[in-house]
Amino acid sequence: MNENKKQAAALSYDRSTDISPRVTATGKGLIAEEIIKTAKDNDVPILEDASLVELLSKLNIDEAIPEELYEAVAEVFAFVYQLDQQVDQE
């Protein structure tokens, strides 16, 4: 088995209903490629962080991220916020 298969995870956060972000998709290989393609097709920012993806892939779909991952996920959302701000300024 190829241990270097591409991995991907998707998160969502709705501040009106969620206490913390939730995992909406995870996958390896072709599924990871489809997650990435779907994100690109929908102009969803992508951040590559293999360590974080590895941890997120151990969670169930629709599971809230655990407190141990709050800091790492906060960095992801800060990255997305910065990208949104750049787009708004253009």
C-alpha atoms as a PDB file:
ATOM      1  CA  MET A   1       0.000   0.000   0.000  1.00  0.00           C
ATOM      2  CA  ASN A   2       1.253   3.482  -0.856  1.00  0.00           C
ATOM      3  CA  GLU A   3       1.714   5.445   2.374  1.00  0.00           C
ATOM      4  CA  ASN A   4       2.239   8.659   0.387  1.00  0.00           C
ATOM      5  CA  LYS A   5      -1.348   8.849  -0.844  1.00  0.00           C
ATOM      6  CA  LYS A   6      -2.830  12.310  -0.847  1.00  0.00           C
ATOM      7  CA  GLN A   7      -5.088  12.989   2.128  1.00  0.00           C
ATOM      8  CA  ALA A   8      -7.689  15.700   2.611  1.00  0.00           C
ATOM      9  CA  ALA A   9     -10.154  16.866   5.215  1.00  0.00           C
ATOM     10  CA  ALA A  10     -12.876  19.490   5.056  1.00  0.00           C
ATOM     11  CA  LEU A  11     -14.193  21.577   7.928  1.00  0.00           C
ATOM     12  CA  SER A  12     -17.229  23.750   8.384  1.00  0.00           C
ATOM     13  CA  TYR A  13     -18.270  26.167  11.070  1.00  0.00           C
ATOM     14  CA  ASP A  14     -21.580  27.899  11.569  1.00  0.00           C
ATOM     15  CA  ARG A  15     -21.245  30.227  14.523  1.00  0.00           C
ATOM     16  CA  SER A  16     -25.027  30.325  14.948  1.00  0.00           C
ATOM     17  CA  THR A  17     -25.347  26.571  15.547  1.00  0.00           C
ATOM     18  CA  ASP A  18     -21.901  25.080  16.205  1.00  0.00           C
ATOM     19  CA  ILE A  19     -19.846  25.266  19.364  1.00  0.00           C
ATOM     20  CA  SER A  20     -16.751  24.291  17.390  1.00  0.00           C
ATOM     21  CA  PRO A  21     -15.889  23.476  13.776  1.00  0.00           C
ATOM     22  CA  ARG A  22     -17.026  20.120  12.411  1.00  0.00           C
ATOM     23  CA  VAL A  23     -15.396  17.642  10.066  1.00  0.00           C
ATOM     24  CA  THR A  24     -17.490  17.472   6.901  1.00  0.00           C
ATOM     25  CA  ALA A  25     -15.295  15.173   4.803  1.00  0.00           C
ATOM     26  CA  THR A  26     -12.092  13.140   4.987  1.00  0.00           C
ATOM     27  CA  GLY A  27     -10.423  10.845   2.536  1.00  0.00           C
ATOM     28  CA  LYS A  28      -7.290   9.440   0.952  1.00  0.00           C
ATOM     29  CA  GLY A  29      -6.276   8.942  -2.653  1.00  0.00           C
ATOM     30  CA  LEU A  30      -9.119   9.471  -5.111  1.00  0.00           C
ATOM     31  CA  ILE A  31     -11.501  10.623  -2.388  1.00  0.00           C
ATOM     32  CA  ALA A  32      -8.962  13.228  -1.233  1.00  0.00           C
ATOM     33  CA  GLU A  33      -8.588  14.415  -4.811  1.00  0.00           C
ATOM     34  CA  GLU A  34     -12.362  14.765  -5.091  1.00  0.00           C
ATOM     35  CA  ILE A  35     -12.534  16.747  -1.831  1.00  0.00           C
ATOM     36  CA  ILE A  36      -9.841  19.104  -3.147  1.00  0.00           C
ATOM     37  CA  LYS A  37     -11.508  19.411  -6.559  1.00  0.00           C
ATOM     38  CA  THR A  38     -14.865  20.205  -4.956  1.00  0.00           C
ATOM     39  CA  ALA A  39     -13.240  22.868  -2.787  1.00  0.00           C
ATOM     40  CA  LYS A  40     -11.515  24.453  -5.794  1.00  0.00           C
ATOM     41  CA  ASP A  41     -14.695  24.323  -7.893  1.00  0.00           C
ATOM     42  CA  ASN A  42     -16.519  26.195  -5.118  1.00  0.00           C
ATOM     43  CA  ASP A  43     -13.731  28.717  -4.408  1.00  0.00           C
ATOM     44  CA  VAL A  44     -13.145  27.264  -0.955  1.00  0.00           C
ATOM     45  CA  PRO A  45      -9.645  28.107   0.310  1.00  0.00           C
ATOM     46  CA  ILE A  46      -7.265  25.178   0.678  1.00  0.00           C
ATOM     47  CA  LEU A  47      -4.495  24.982   3.256  1.00  0.00           C
ATOM     48  CA  GLU A  48      -1.997  22.143   3.114  1.00  0.00           C
ATOM     49  CA  ASP A  49      -1.117  20.790   6.555  1.00  0.00           C
ATOM     50  CA  ALA A  50      -0.393  17.058   6.497  1.00  0.00           C
ATOM     51  CA  SER A  51      -0.178  16.758  10.296  1.00  0.00           C
ATOM     52  CA  LEU A  52      -3.564  18.388  10.825  1.00  0.00           C
ATOM     53  CA  VAL A  53      -5.189  16.312   8.073  1.00  0.00           C
ATOM     54  CA  GLU A  54      -3.834  13.162   9.705  1.00  0.00           C
ATOM     55  CA  LEU A  55      -5.459  14.127  13.012  1.00  0.00           C
ATOM     56  CA  LEU A  56      -8.744  15.239  11.429  1.00  0.00           C
ATOM     57  CA  SER A  57      -9.007  12.038   9.418  1.00  0.00           C
ATOM     58  CA  LYS A  58      -9.321  10.092  12.671  1.00  0.00           C
ATOM     59  CA  LEU A  59     -12.568  11.916  13.492  1.00  0.00           C
ATOM     60  CA  ASN A  60     -16.017  10.903  12.301  1.00  0.00           C
ATOM     61  CA  ILE A  61     -17.911  12.926   9.715  1.00  0.00           C
ATOM     62  CA  ASP A  62     -19.991  15.667  11.390  1.00  0.00           C
ATOM     63  CA  GLU A  63     -17.957  15.279  14.595  1.00  0.00           C
ATOM     64  CA  ALA A  64     -16.924  18.486  16.327  1.00  0.00           C
ATOM     65  CA  ILE A  65     -13.192  18.907  16.560  1.00  0.00           C
ATOM     66  CA  PRO A  66     -11.773  18.186  20.029  1.00  0.00           C
ATOM     67  CA  GLU A  67     -10.344  20.975  22.179  1.00  0.00           C
ATOM     68  CA  GLU A  68      -6.810  19.667  21.556  1.00  0.00           C
ATOM     69  CA  LEU A  69      -7.138  20.780  17.916  1.00  0.00           C
ATOM     70  CA  TYR A  70      -8.658  24.222  18.559  1.00  0.00           C
ATOM     71  CA  GLU A  71      -5.374  26.098  18.146  1.00  0.00           C
ATOM     72  CA  ALA A  72      -4.421  24.348  14.902  1.00  0.00           C
ATOM     73  CA  VAL A  73      -7.904  24.778  13.440  1.00  0.00           C
ATOM     74  CA  ALA A  74      -7.990  28.424  14.564  1.00  0.00           C
ATOM     75  CA  GLU A  75      -4.874  28.947  12.429  1.00  0.00           C
ATOM     76  CA  VAL A  76      -6.719  27.459   9.450  1.00  0.00           C
ATOM     77  CA  PHE A  77      -9.685  29.764   9.936  1.00  0.00           C
ATOM     78  CA  ALA A  78      -7.330  32.755  10.369  1.00  0.00           C
ATOM     79  CA  PHE A  79      -5.746  31.807   7.030  1.00  0.00           C
ATOM     80  CA  VAL A  80      -9.184  31.661   5.395  1.00  0.00           C
ATOM     81  CA  TYR A  81     -10.157  35.005   6.943  1.00  0.00           C
ATOM     82  CA  GLN A  82      -6.985  36.629   5.574  1.00  0.00           C
ATOM     83  CA  LEU A  83      -7.708  35.262   2.103  1.00  0.00           C
ATOM     84  CA  ASP A  84     -11.268  36.582   2.285  1.00  0.00           C
ATOM     85  CA  GLN A  85      -9.966  40.008   3.275  1.00  0.00           C
ATOM     86  CA  GLN A  86      -7.545  40.033   0.318  1.00  0.00           C
ATOM     87  CA  VAL A  87     -10.320  39.120  -2.100  1.00  0.00           C
ATOM     88  CA  ASP A  88     -12.592  41.826  -0.676  1.00  0.00           C
ATOM     89  CA  GLN A  89      -9.861  44.439  -1.186  1.00  0.00           C
ATOM     90  CA  GLU A  90      -9.307  43.530  -4.850  1.00  0.00           C
END
